[in-house]
């Protein structure tokens, strides 16, 4: 997923070559971070997203932060990391209401202008994690991926800050002497990412270009991480074909699930997704009254029920 400037110049990636040669001080950047209910972007959800839009000179243009109702439970060990509880997000909008508009704001200049020759460059620490969650959310809604380059301050810091004990964001912030007592909240970590990034580009000097940054550590680009399956009959897993029958007929299913939590569930199937070689089922689970994602290979018995219940 990491791309070099040579790959971009060979038009593998839709970024204009003259854009690569522009000085960093003339570009707009967006430092962003997400907090989530877990580590897997298909079965977990975004809880909080924050981003800071700023110039390469360090001028901050705008900051946005939003809590998101994940429509699923937040594990206790995850709450212990970021401190976001169920009650804090209970009245917040869901990802369908937040992420499309938020990503559109992140990926465009002020005024919502989307110009492939002059778009913000996104910046995150361990960017594959945050990008992965946004990709899945956009794919679930059938929306197009942004074309912005994403720079990873984790990779960049390994090249430019070699004397740090490690390259975790908290360690780097403390190593560089930035004032902070808050970590693992989206707005605080976005600020840490921006400060870290500005520190590193100052090291590279006023003549530093986007091409120079990509040559140092590569760039990440959004891509469709999942495929929504419409032709269930041709799927290699017979369970997908059965699920397709239920979706087509509007039937509920009773399933036995070999996973965490409740084993026997009545569900209303919504869609089947393919990621890598694994199938995932998005369904409304009547046991918890909200949408859940199930790995199809962990579904045992499937019983089709005559009448569908409440869907989502």
C-alpha atoms as a PDB file:
ATOM      1  CA  UNK A   1       0.000   0.000   0.000  1.00  0.00           C
ATOM      2  CA  UNK A   2       3.007   2.296   0.475  1.00  0.00           C
ATOM      3  CA  UNK A   3       3.794   4.048  -2.805  1.00  0.00           C
ATOM      4  CA  UNK A   4       6.974   5.797  -3.881  1.00  0.00           C
ATOM      5  CA  UNK A   5       7.201   9.062  -5.796  1.00  0.00           C
ATOM      6  CA  UNK A   6       8.334   7.044  -8.839  1.00  0.00           C
ATOM      7  CA  UNK A   7       5.077   5.057  -8.747  1.00  0.00           C
ATOM      8  CA  UNK A   8       3.121   8.297  -8.586  1.00  0.00           C
ATOM      9  CA  UNK A   9       5.093   9.839 -11.452  1.00  0.00           C
ATOM     10  CA  UNK A  10       4.365   6.708 -13.532  1.00  0.00           C
ATOM     11  CA  UNK A  11       0.670   7.478 -13.006  1.00  0.00           C
ATOM     12  CA  UNK A  12      -0.094   4.421 -10.889  1.00  0.00           C
ATOM     13  CA  UNK A  13      -1.527   6.881  -8.400  1.00  0.00           C
ATOM     14  CA  UNK A  14      -3.741   9.863  -9.443  1.00  0.00           C
ATOM     15  CA  UNK A  15      -1.541  12.727  -8.222  1.00  0.00           C
ATOM     16  CA  UNK A  16      -0.198  15.341 -10.618  1.00  0.00           C
ATOM     17  CA  UNK A  17       3.588  15.273 -11.022  1.00  0.00           C
ATOM     18  CA  UNK A  18       3.890  19.044 -10.685  1.00  0.00           C
ATOM     19  CA  UNK A  19       2.054  18.760  -7.356  1.00  0.00           C
ATOM     20  CA  UNK A  20       4.858  16.500  -6.082  1.00  0.00           C
ATOM     21  CA  UNK A  21       7.435  19.196  -6.777  1.00  0.00           C
ATOM     22  CA  UNK A  22       5.715  21.950  -4.803  1.00  0.00           C
ATOM     23  CA  UNK A  23       7.461  23.167  -1.635  1.00  0.00           C
ATOM     24  CA  UNK A  24       5.887  21.816   1.547  1.00  0.00           C
ATOM     25  CA  UNK A  25       5.431  25.353   2.875  1.00  0.00           C
ATOM     26  CA  UNK A  26       2.944  26.013   0.035  1.00  0.00           C
ATOM     27  CA  UNK A  27       0.788  22.944   0.714  1.00  0.00           C
ATOM     28  CA  UNK A  28      -2.179  22.299   2.975  1.00  0.00           C
ATOM     29  CA  UNK A  29      -2.056  19.318   5.327  1.00  0.00           C
ATOM     30  CA  UNK A  30      -4.599  17.551   7.536  1.00  0.00           C
ATOM     31  CA  UNK A  31      -3.391  15.735  10.647  1.00  0.00           C
ATOM     32  CA  UNK A  32      -6.046  13.225  11.726  1.00  0.00           C
ATOM     33  CA  UNK A  33      -6.679  10.448  14.204  1.00  0.00           C
ATOM     34  CA  UNK A  34      -9.434   7.978  15.071  1.00  0.00           C
ATOM     35  CA  UNK A  35     -10.393   6.112  18.232  1.00  0.00           C
ATOM     36  CA  UNK A  36     -12.205   2.812  17.731  1.00  0.00           C
ATOM     37  CA  UNK A  37     -13.944  -0.083  19.473  1.00  0.00           C
ATOM     38  CA  UNK A  38     -11.163  -2.504  18.492  1.00  0.00           C
ATOM     39  CA  UNK A  39      -8.340  -3.150  16.074  1.00  0.00           C
ATOM     40  CA  UNK A  40     -10.106  -4.879  13.147  1.00  0.00           C
ATOM     41  CA  UNK A  41     -11.757  -2.324  10.824  1.00  0.00           C
ATOM     42  CA  UNK A  42     -14.401  -4.725   9.534  1.00  0.00           C
ATOM     43  CA  UNK A  43     -15.743  -5.971  12.862  1.00  0.00           C
ATOM     44  CA  UNK A  44     -14.952  -2.844  14.928  1.00  0.00           C
ATOM     45  CA  UNK A  45     -16.170   0.731  14.473  1.00  0.00           C
ATOM     46  CA  UNK A  46     -14.923   4.309  14.764  1.00  0.00           C
ATOM     47  CA  UNK A  47     -15.820   6.006  18.076  1.00  0.00           C
ATOM     48  CA  UNK A  48     -14.182   9.380  17.571  1.00  0.00           C
ATOM     49  CA  UNK A  49     -12.525  11.230  14.720  1.00  0.00           C
ATOM     50  CA  UNK A  50     -10.581  14.473  14.793  1.00  0.00           C
ATOM     51  CA  UNK A  51      -8.546  16.409  12.255  1.00  0.00           C
ATOM     52  CA  UNK A  52      -6.539  19.629  12.103  1.00  0.00           C
ATOM     53  CA  UNK A  53      -6.202  21.385   8.747  1.00  0.00           C
ATOM     54  CA  UNK A  54      -2.997  23.451   8.586  1.00  0.00           C
ATOM     55  CA  UNK A  55      -0.489  25.019   6.209  1.00  0.00           C
ATOM     56  CA  UNK A  56       3.047  23.783   5.749  1.00  0.00           C
ATOM     57  CA  UNK A  57       4.116  27.008   7.453  1.00  0.00           C
ATOM     58  CA  UNK A  58       2.394  25.848  10.648  1.00  0.00           C
ATOM     59  CA  UNK A  59      -0.677  28.083  10.381  1.00  0.00           C
ATOM     60  CA  UNK A  60      -3.734  26.236  11.704  1.00  0.00           C
ATOM     61  CA  UNK A  61      -6.797  26.713   9.495  1.00  0.00           C
ATOM     62  CA  UNK A  62      -9.496  24.650  11.217  1.00  0.00           C
ATOM     63  CA  UNK A  63      -9.990  21.836  13.731  1.00  0.00           C
ATOM     64  CA  UNK A  64     -12.916  19.417  13.810  1.00  0.00           C
ATOM     65  CA  UNK A  65     -13.735  16.647  16.295  1.00  0.00           C
ATOM     66  CA  UNK A  66     -16.740  14.341  16.503  1.00  0.00           C
ATOM     67  CA  UNK A  67     -17.772  11.478  18.772  1.00  0.00           C
ATOM     68  CA  UNK A  68     -19.574   8.669  16.913  1.00  0.00           C
ATOM     69  CA  UNK A  69     -22.090   6.147  18.194  1.00  0.00           C
ATOM     70  CA  UNK A  70     -20.555   2.808  17.078  1.00  0.00           C
ATOM     71  CA  UNK A  71     -23.861   0.961  17.451  1.00  0.00           C
ATOM     72  CA  UNK A  72     -21.994  -1.809  19.247  1.00  0.00           C
ATOM     73  CA  UNK A  73     -20.543  -2.354  22.703  1.00  0.00           C
ATOM     74  CA  UNK A  74     -17.140  -0.949  23.643  1.00  0.00           C
ATOM     75  CA  UNK A  75     -14.916  -3.584  25.299  1.00  0.00           C
ATOM     76  CA  UNK A  76     -13.624  -2.721  28.786  1.00  0.00           C
ATOM     77  CA  UNK A  77      -9.975  -3.144  27.751  1.00  0.00           C
ATOM     78  CA  UNK A  78     -10.512  -0.635  24.930  1.00  0.00           C
ATOM     79  CA  UNK A  79     -12.190   1.870  27.262  1.00  0.00           C
ATOM     80  CA  UNK A  80      -9.128   1.568  29.496  1.00  0.00           C
ATOM     81  CA  UNK A  81      -6.993   2.885  26.607  1.00  0.00           C
ATOM     82  CA  UNK A  82      -8.959   5.925  25.409  1.00  0.00           C
ATOM     83  CA  UNK A  83     -11.546   6.441  28.155  1.00  0.00           C
ATOM     84  CA  UNK A  84     -14.520   6.720  25.779  1.00  0.00           C
ATOM     85  CA  UNK A  85     -17.504   5.023  27.401  1.00  0.00           C
ATOM     86  CA  UNK A  86     -20.852   3.890  26.057  1.00  0.00           C
ATOM     87  CA  UNK A  87     -22.661   6.765  27.765  1.00  0.00           C
ATOM     88  CA  UNK A  88     -20.338   9.319  26.134  1.00  0.00           C
ATOM     89  CA  UNK A  89     -21.373   8.258  22.622  1.00  0.00           C
ATOM     90  CA  UNK A  90     -24.968   7.159  23.233  1.00  0.00           C
ATOM     91  CA  UNK A  91     -26.449  10.393  21.841  1.00  0.00           C
ATOM     92  CA  UNK A  92     -23.859  10.871  19.096  1.00  0.00           C
ATOM     93  CA  UNK A  93     -24.595  10.346  15.364  1.00  0.00           C
ATOM     94  CA  UNK A  94     -23.551   7.072  13.723  1.00  0.00           C
ATOM     95  CA  UNK A  95     -20.773   6.608  11.165  1.00  0.00           C
ATOM     96  CA  UNK A  96     -23.138   7.012   8.202  1.00  0.00           C
ATOM     97  CA  UNK A  97     -24.010  10.502   9.409  1.00  0.00           C
ATOM     98  CA  UNK A  98     -20.441  11.549  10.274  1.00  0.00           C
ATOM     99  CA  UNK A  99     -17.761   9.953   8.139  1.00  0.00           C
ATOM    100  CA  UNK A 100     -18.791  10.931   4.558  1.00  0.00           C
ATOM    101  CA  UNK A 101     -18.968  14.661   5.390  1.00  0.00           C
ATOM    102  CA  UNK A 102     -15.908  14.503   7.636  1.00  0.00           C
ATOM    103  CA  UNK A 103     -13.752  12.782   5.002  1.00  0.00           C
ATOM    104  CA  UNK A 104     -14.988  15.205   2.339  1.00  0.00           C
ATOM    105  CA  UNK A 105     -13.872  18.108   4.545  1.00  0.00           C
ATOM    106  CA  UNK A 106     -10.503  16.462   5.215  1.00  0.00           C
ATOM    107  CA  UNK A 107      -9.832  15.739   1.558  1.00  0.00           C
ATOM    108  CA  UNK A 108     -10.734  19.146   0.121  1.00  0.00           C
ATOM    109  CA  UNK A 109      -9.483  22.691   0.453  1.00  0.00           C
ATOM    110  CA  UNK A 110     -11.429  25.415   2.216  1.00  0.00           C
ATOM    111  CA  UNK A 111     -14.808  25.871   0.613  1.00  0.00           C
ATOM    112  CA  UNK A 112     -15.077  22.191  -0.319  1.00  0.00           C
ATOM    113  CA  UNK A 113     -12.983  22.533  -3.483  1.00  0.00           C
ATOM    114  CA  UNK A 114     -11.743  19.116  -4.701  1.00  0.00           C
ATOM    115  CA  UNK A 115      -8.874  19.769  -7.109  1.00  0.00           C
ATOM    116  CA  UNK A 116      -6.615  16.753  -7.871  1.00  0.00           C
ATOM    117  CA  UNK A 117      -3.784  19.182  -8.657  1.00  0.00           C
ATOM    118  CA  UNK A 118      -4.109  21.019  -5.369  1.00  0.00           C
ATOM    119  CA  UNK A 119      -5.556  18.882  -2.596  1.00  0.00           C
ATOM    120  CA  UNK A 120      -4.639  18.585   1.090  1.00  0.00           C
ATOM    121  CA  UNK A 121      -2.071  15.962   2.039  1.00  0.00           C
ATOM    122  CA  UNK A 122      -3.310  13.812   4.912  1.00  0.00           C
ATOM    123  CA  UNK A 123      -1.023  12.950   7.824  1.00  0.00           C
ATOM    124  CA  UNK A 124      -1.452  10.301  10.547  1.00  0.00           C
ATOM    125  CA  UNK A 125       0.701   8.209  12.890  1.00  0.00           C
ATOM    126  CA  UNK A 126       0.533   4.508  12.036  1.00  0.00           C
ATOM    127  CA  UNK A 127      -1.693   5.693   9.213  1.00  0.00           C
ATOM    128  CA  UNK A 128      -2.693   2.248   7.930  1.00  0.00           C
ATOM    129  CA  UNK A 129      -4.813   1.803  11.066  1.00  0.00           C
ATOM    130  CA  UNK A 130      -6.815   5.024  10.678  1.00  0.00           C
ATOM    131  CA  UNK A 131      -7.042   4.772   6.888  1.00  0.00           C
ATOM    132  CA  UNK A 132      -8.275   1.193   7.224  1.00  0.00           C
ATOM    133  CA  UNK A 133     -11.233   2.179   9.386  1.00  0.00           C
ATOM    134  CA  UNK A 134     -12.227   5.055   7.107  1.00  0.00           C
ATOM    135  CA  UNK A 135     -11.901   2.854   4.004  1.00  0.00           C
ATOM    136  CA  UNK A 136     -14.230   0.227   5.431  1.00  0.00           C
ATOM    137  CA  UNK A 137     -16.803   2.812   6.541  1.00  0.00           C
ATOM    138  CA  UNK A 138     -16.836   4.396   3.075  1.00  0.00           C
ATOM    139  CA  UNK A 139     -16.981   0.984   1.344  1.00  0.00           C
ATOM    140  CA  UNK A 140     -19.953  -0.098   3.463  1.00  0.00           C
ATOM    141  CA  UNK A 141     -21.847   2.918   2.104  1.00  0.00           C
ATOM    142  CA  UNK A 142     -20.693   2.380  -1.480  1.00  0.00           C
ATOM    143  CA  UNK A 143     -18.863   5.712  -1.528  1.00  0.00           C
ATOM    144  CA  UNK A 144     -15.775   6.627  -3.560  1.00  0.00           C
ATOM    145  CA  UNK A 145     -12.387   6.770  -1.884  1.00  0.00           C
ATOM    146  CA  UNK A 146     -10.533  10.086  -1.565  1.00  0.00           C
ATOM    147  CA  UNK A 147      -7.479  10.407  -3.807  1.00  0.00           C
ATOM    148  CA  UNK A 148      -5.298  12.299  -1.335  1.00  0.00           C
ATOM    149  CA  UNK A 149      -1.825  11.089  -0.478  1.00  0.00           C
ATOM    150  CA  UNK A 150      -1.428  10.072   3.172  1.00  0.00           C
ATOM    151  CA  UNK A 151       1.921  10.524   4.909  1.00  0.00           C
ATOM    152  CA  UNK A 152       2.733   8.366   7.928  1.00  0.00           C
ATOM    153  CA  UNK A 153       4.644  10.138  10.704  1.00  0.00           C
ATOM    154  CA  UNK A 154       5.565   6.710  12.112  1.00  0.00           C
ATOM    155  CA  UNK A 155       7.590   5.846   8.993  1.00  0.00           C
ATOM    156  CA  UNK A 156       8.925   9.379   8.635  1.00  0.00           C
ATOM    157  CA  UNK A 157      10.071   9.542  12.270  1.00  0.00           C
ATOM    158  CA  UNK A 158      12.036   6.309  11.881  1.00  0.00           C
ATOM    159  CA  UNK A 159      14.082   8.048   9.206  1.00  0.00           C
ATOM    160  CA  UNK A 160      14.410  11.480  10.827  1.00  0.00           C
ATOM    161  CA  UNK A 161      14.316  10.930  14.621  1.00  0.00           C
ATOM    162  CA  UNK A 162      16.726   8.076  15.140  1.00  0.00           C
ATOM    163  CA  UNK A 163      17.631   8.853  18.769  1.00  0.00           C
ATOM    164  CA  UNK A 164      14.151   8.191  20.186  1.00  0.00           C
ATOM    165  CA  UNK A 165      13.732   5.127  22.416  1.00  0.00           C
ATOM    166  CA  UNK A 166      10.932   3.957  20.104  1.00  0.00           C
ATOM    167  CA  UNK A 167       8.602   5.572  17.608  1.00  0.00           C
ATOM    168  CA  UNK A 168       5.275   5.392  19.393  1.00  0.00           C
ATOM    169  CA  UNK A 169       3.498   8.734  19.267  1.00  0.00           C
ATOM    170  CA  UNK A 170       3.602   9.269  23.056  1.00  0.00           C
ATOM    171  CA  UNK A 171       7.316   8.446  23.188  1.00  0.00           C
ATOM    172  CA  UNK A 172       8.112  10.874  20.359  1.00  0.00           C
ATOM    173  CA  UNK A 173       6.031  13.667  21.916  1.00  0.00           C
ATOM    174  CA  UNK A 174       7.864  13.279  25.229  1.00  0.00           C
ATOM    175  CA  UNK A 175      11.246  12.885  23.504  1.00  0.00           C
ATOM    176  CA  UNK A 176      10.767  16.166  21.631  1.00  0.00           C
ATOM    177  CA  UNK A 177       9.533  17.981  24.751  1.00  0.00           C
ATOM    178  CA  UNK A 178       6.047  18.867  23.515  1.00  0.00           C
ATOM    179  CA  UNK A 179       3.695  19.761  26.353  1.00  0.00           C
ATOM    180  CA  UNK A 180       0.869  17.252  26.781  1.00  0.00           C
ATOM    181  CA  UNK A 181      -0.898  15.171  29.393  1.00  0.00           C
ATOM    182  CA  UNK A 182      -3.499  13.629  27.065  1.00  0.00           C
ATOM    183  CA  UNK A 183      -3.034  10.688  24.699  1.00  0.00           C
ATOM    184  CA  UNK A 184      -5.355   8.277  22.892  1.00  0.00           C
ATOM    185  CA  UNK A 185      -8.056  10.860  22.309  1.00  0.00           C
ATOM    186  CA  UNK A 186      -8.517  11.854  18.691  1.00  0.00           C
ATOM    187  CA  UNK A 187      -8.124  15.631  19.035  1.00  0.00           C
ATOM    188  CA  UNK A 188      -5.074  15.416  21.302  1.00  0.00           C
ATOM    189  CA  UNK A 189      -3.369  12.868  19.055  1.00  0.00           C
ATOM    190  CA  UNK A 190      -4.141  14.924  15.934  1.00  0.00           C
ATOM    191  CA  UNK A 191      -2.359  17.832  17.583  1.00  0.00           C
ATOM    192  CA  UNK A 192       0.594  15.585  18.453  1.00  0.00           C
ATOM    193  CA  UNK A 193       0.758  14.390  14.829  1.00  0.00           C
ATOM    194  CA  UNK A 194       0.731  17.963  13.503  1.00  0.00           C
ATOM    195  CA  UNK A 195       3.495  19.103  15.884  1.00  0.00           C
ATOM    196  CA  UNK A 196       5.604  16.038  15.115  1.00  0.00           C
ATOM    197  CA  UNK A 197       5.153  16.489  11.368  1.00  0.00           C
ATOM    198  CA  UNK A 198       6.040  20.198  11.461  1.00  0.00           C
ATOM    199  CA  UNK A 199       9.146  19.397  13.521  1.00  0.00           C
ATOM    200  CA  UNK A 200      10.319  16.889  10.907  1.00  0.00           C
ATOM    201  CA  UNK A 201       9.695  19.056   7.846  1.00  0.00           C
ATOM    202  CA  UNK A 202      11.654  21.882   9.505  1.00  0.00           C
ATOM    203  CA  UNK A 203      14.538  19.432   9.771  1.00  0.00           C
ATOM    204  CA  UNK A 204      14.371  18.941   6.012  1.00  0.00           C
ATOM    205  CA  UNK A 205      14.545  22.691   5.316  1.00  0.00           C
ATOM    206  CA  UNK A 206      12.596  25.304   3.361  1.00  0.00           C
ATOM    207  CA  UNK A 207      13.264  23.639   0.009  1.00  0.00           C
ATOM    208  CA  UNK A 208      11.585  20.392   1.080  1.00  0.00           C
ATOM    209  CA  UNK A 209       8.915  19.226  -1.413  1.00  0.00           C
ATOM    210  CA  UNK A 210       6.180  16.630  -1.226  1.00  0.00           C
ATOM    211  CA  UNK A 211       8.347  14.411  -3.422  1.00  0.00           C
ATOM    212  CA  UNK A 212      11.130  14.643  -0.814  1.00  0.00           C
ATOM    213  CA  UNK A 213       8.774  13.495   1.945  1.00  0.00           C
ATOM    214  CA  UNK A 214       7.478  10.583  -0.120  1.00  0.00           C
ATOM    215  CA  UNK A 215      11.016   9.587  -1.047  1.00  0.00           C
ATOM    216  CA  UNK A 216      11.850   9.491   2.675  1.00  0.00           C
ATOM    217  CA  UNK A 217       9.012   7.234   3.783  1.00  0.00           C
ATOM    218  CA  UNK A 218       6.518   6.525   0.982  1.00  0.00           C
ATOM    219  CA  UNK A 219       2.852   7.497   0.801  1.00  0.00           C
ATOM    220  CA  UNK A 220      -0.379   5.649   1.459  1.00  0.00           C
ATOM    221  CA  UNK A 221      -3.482   5.894  -0.721  1.00  0.00           C
ATOM    222  CA  UNK A 222      -7.066   4.900   0.019  1.00  0.00           C
ATOM    223  CA  UNK A 223      -8.388   1.819  -1.734  1.00  0.00           C
ATOM    224  CA  UNK A 224     -11.509  -0.342  -1.525  1.00  0.00           C
ATOM    225  CA  UNK A 225     -10.723  -2.865   1.234  1.00  0.00           C
ATOM    226  CA  UNK A 226     -13.927  -4.855   0.850  1.00  0.00           C
ATOM    227  CA  UNK A 227     -16.173  -6.007  -1.976  1.00  0.00           C
ATOM    228  CA  UNK A 228     -19.901  -6.171  -1.378  1.00  0.00           C
ATOM    229  CA  UNK A 229     -21.137  -9.475  -2.819  1.00  0.00           C
ATOM    230  CA  UNK A 230     -24.230  -9.276  -5.015  1.00  0.00           C
ATOM    231  CA  UNK A 231     -23.933 -12.600  -6.870  1.00  0.00           C
ATOM    232  CA  UNK A 232     -24.298 -14.868  -3.842  1.00  0.00           C
ATOM    233  CA  UNK A 233     -24.984 -17.943  -5.982  1.00  0.00           C
ATOM    234  CA  UNK A 234     -21.429 -18.000  -7.357  1.00  0.00           C
ATOM    235  CA  UNK A 235     -19.710 -17.671  -3.953  1.00  0.00           C
ATOM    236  CA  UNK A 236     -17.411 -20.547  -3.042  1.00  0.00           C
ATOM    237  CA  UNK A 237     -18.840 -20.800   0.514  1.00  0.00           C
ATOM    238  CA  UNK A 238     -22.287 -22.474   0.569  1.00  0.00           C
ATOM    239  CA  UNK A 239     -23.215 -20.405   3.629  1.00  0.00           C
ATOM    240  CA  UNK A 240     -22.977 -17.262   1.478  1.00  0.00           C
ATOM    241  CA  UNK A 241     -25.454 -18.801  -0.958  1.00  0.00           C
ATOM    242  CA  UNK A 242     -27.866 -19.522   1.899  1.00  0.00           C
ATOM    243  CA  UNK A 243     -27.454 -15.991   3.241  1.00  0.00           C
ATOM    244  CA  UNK A 244     -28.139 -14.671  -0.276  1.00  0.00           C
ATOM    245  CA  UNK A 245     -31.398 -16.618  -0.349  1.00  0.00           C
ATOM    246  CA  UNK A 246     -32.408 -15.018   2.957  1.00  0.00           C
ATOM    247  CA  UNK A 247     -31.565 -11.522   1.718  1.00  0.00           C
ATOM    248  CA  UNK A 248     -33.488 -12.071  -1.531  1.00  0.00           C
ATOM    249  CA  UNK A 249     -36.576 -13.420   0.246  1.00  0.00           C
ATOM    250  CA  UNK A 250     -36.477 -10.890   3.088  1.00  0.00           C
ATOM    251  CA  UNK A 251     -36.152 -13.684   5.660  1.00  0.00           C
ATOM    252  CA  UNK A 252     -34.512 -13.654   9.049  1.00  0.00           C
ATOM    253  CA  UNK A 253     -32.007 -16.348  10.022  1.00  0.00           C
ATOM    254  CA  UNK A 254     -31.289 -18.212  13.221  1.00  0.00           C
ATOM    255  CA  UNK A 255     -27.552 -18.832  13.433  1.00  0.00           C
ATOM    256  CA  UNK A 256     -25.076 -20.459  15.786  1.00  0.00           C
ATOM    257  CA  UNK A 257     -21.946 -18.308  15.913  1.00  0.00           C
ATOM    258  CA  UNK A 258     -18.538 -19.544  16.996  1.00  0.00           C
ATOM    259  CA  UNK A 259     -17.272 -16.201  18.248  1.00  0.00           C
ATOM    260  CA  UNK A 260     -17.357 -13.959  21.290  1.00  0.00           C
ATOM    261  CA  UNK A 261     -20.582 -13.237  23.142  1.00  0.00           C
ATOM    262  CA  UNK A 262     -23.988 -14.715  22.358  1.00  0.00           C
ATOM    263  CA  UNK A 263     -23.757 -17.985  20.425  1.00  0.00           C
ATOM    264  CA  UNK A 264     -27.331 -18.392  19.161  1.00  0.00           C
ATOM    265  CA  UNK A 265     -28.796 -15.328  17.474  1.00  0.00           C
ATOM    266  CA  UNK A 266     -31.738 -14.314  15.346  1.00  0.00           C
ATOM    267  CA  UNK A 267     -30.478 -11.923  12.683  1.00  0.00           C
ATOM    268  CA  UNK A 268     -31.749  -9.998   9.677  1.00  0.00           C
ATOM    269  CA  UNK A 269     -29.001 -10.321   7.012  1.00  0.00           C
ATOM    270  CA  UNK A 270     -28.132  -7.059   5.258  1.00  0.00           C
ATOM    271  CA  UNK A 271     -25.101  -7.704   3.042  1.00  0.00           C
ATOM    272  CA  UNK A 272     -22.146 -10.022   2.509  1.00  0.00           C
ATOM    273  CA  UNK A 273     -18.661  -8.570   2.081  1.00  0.00           C
ATOM    274  CA  UNK A 274     -15.406 -10.112   0.890  1.00  0.00           C
ATOM    275  CA  UNK A 275     -12.094  -8.939   2.353  1.00  0.00           C
ATOM    276  CA  UNK A 276      -9.034 -10.870   1.236  1.00  0.00           C
ATOM    277  CA  UNK A 277     -10.279 -14.443   1.246  1.00  0.00           C
ATOM    278  CA  UNK A 278     -12.769 -14.070   4.086  1.00  0.00           C
ATOM    279  CA  UNK A 279     -16.490 -13.408   3.842  1.00  0.00           C
ATOM    280  CA  UNK A 280     -18.200 -11.169   6.390  1.00  0.00           C
ATOM    281  CA  UNK A 281     -21.924 -10.803   7.048  1.00  0.00           C
ATOM    282  CA  UNK A 282     -23.407  -7.459   8.043  1.00  0.00           C
ATOM    283  CA  UNK A 283     -26.701  -8.093   9.822  1.00  0.00           C
ATOM    284  CA  UNK A 284     -29.178  -6.655  12.294  1.00  0.00           C
ATOM    285  CA  UNK A 285     -28.862  -8.760  15.459  1.00  0.00           C
ATOM    286  CA  UNK A 286     -32.093  -9.003  17.434  1.00  0.00           C
ATOM    287  CA  UNK A 287     -30.279 -10.175  20.562  1.00  0.00           C
ATOM    288  CA  UNK A 288     -28.577  -6.784  20.941  1.00  0.00           C
ATOM    289  CA  UNK A 289     -30.939  -4.668  18.809  1.00  0.00           C
ATOM    290  CA  UNK A 290     -28.205  -3.228  16.591  1.00  0.00           C
ATOM    291  CA  UNK A 291     -26.109  -3.979  13.519  1.00  0.00           C
ATOM    292  CA  UNK A 292     -23.263  -6.468  13.873  1.00  0.00           C
ATOM    293  CA  UNK A 293     -20.620  -7.946  11.568  1.00  0.00           C
ATOM    294  CA  UNK A 294     -20.006 -11.713  11.598  1.00  0.00           C
ATOM    295  CA  UNK A 295     -17.264 -13.771   9.988  1.00  0.00           C
ATOM    296  CA  UNK A 296     -19.098 -16.238   7.775  1.00  0.00           C
ATOM    297  CA  UNK A 297     -16.584 -19.032   8.459  1.00  0.00           C
ATOM    298  CA  UNK A 298     -17.552 -18.842  12.138  1.00  0.00           C
ATOM    299  CA  UNK A 299     -21.249 -19.340  11.437  1.00  0.00           C
ATOM    300  CA  UNK A 300     -22.349 -22.919  12.150  1.00  0.00           C
ATOM    301  CA  UNK A 301     -25.978 -23.889  11.696  1.00  0.00           C
ATOM    302  CA  UNK A 302     -28.215 -21.564   9.660  1.00  0.00           C
ATOM    303  CA  UNK A 303     -31.997 -21.814   9.832  1.00  0.00           C
ATOM    304  CA  UNK A 304     -34.082 -19.634   7.545  1.00  0.00           C
ATOM    305  CA  UNK A 305     -37.087 -18.127   9.310  1.00  0.00           C
ATOM    306  CA  UNK A 306     -40.315 -17.289   7.540  1.00  0.00           C
ATOM    307  CA  UNK A 307     -40.727 -13.657   8.511  1.00  0.00           C
ATOM    308  CA  UNK A 308     -38.088 -10.962   8.838  1.00  0.00           C
ATOM    309  CA  UNK A 309     -38.033  -8.850  11.954  1.00  0.00           C
ATOM    310  CA  UNK A 310     -36.729  -5.358  12.355  1.00  0.00           C
ATOM    311  CA  UNK A 311     -33.955  -4.458   9.877  1.00  0.00           C
ATOM    312  CA  UNK A 312     -31.534  -1.552   9.790  1.00  0.00           C
END
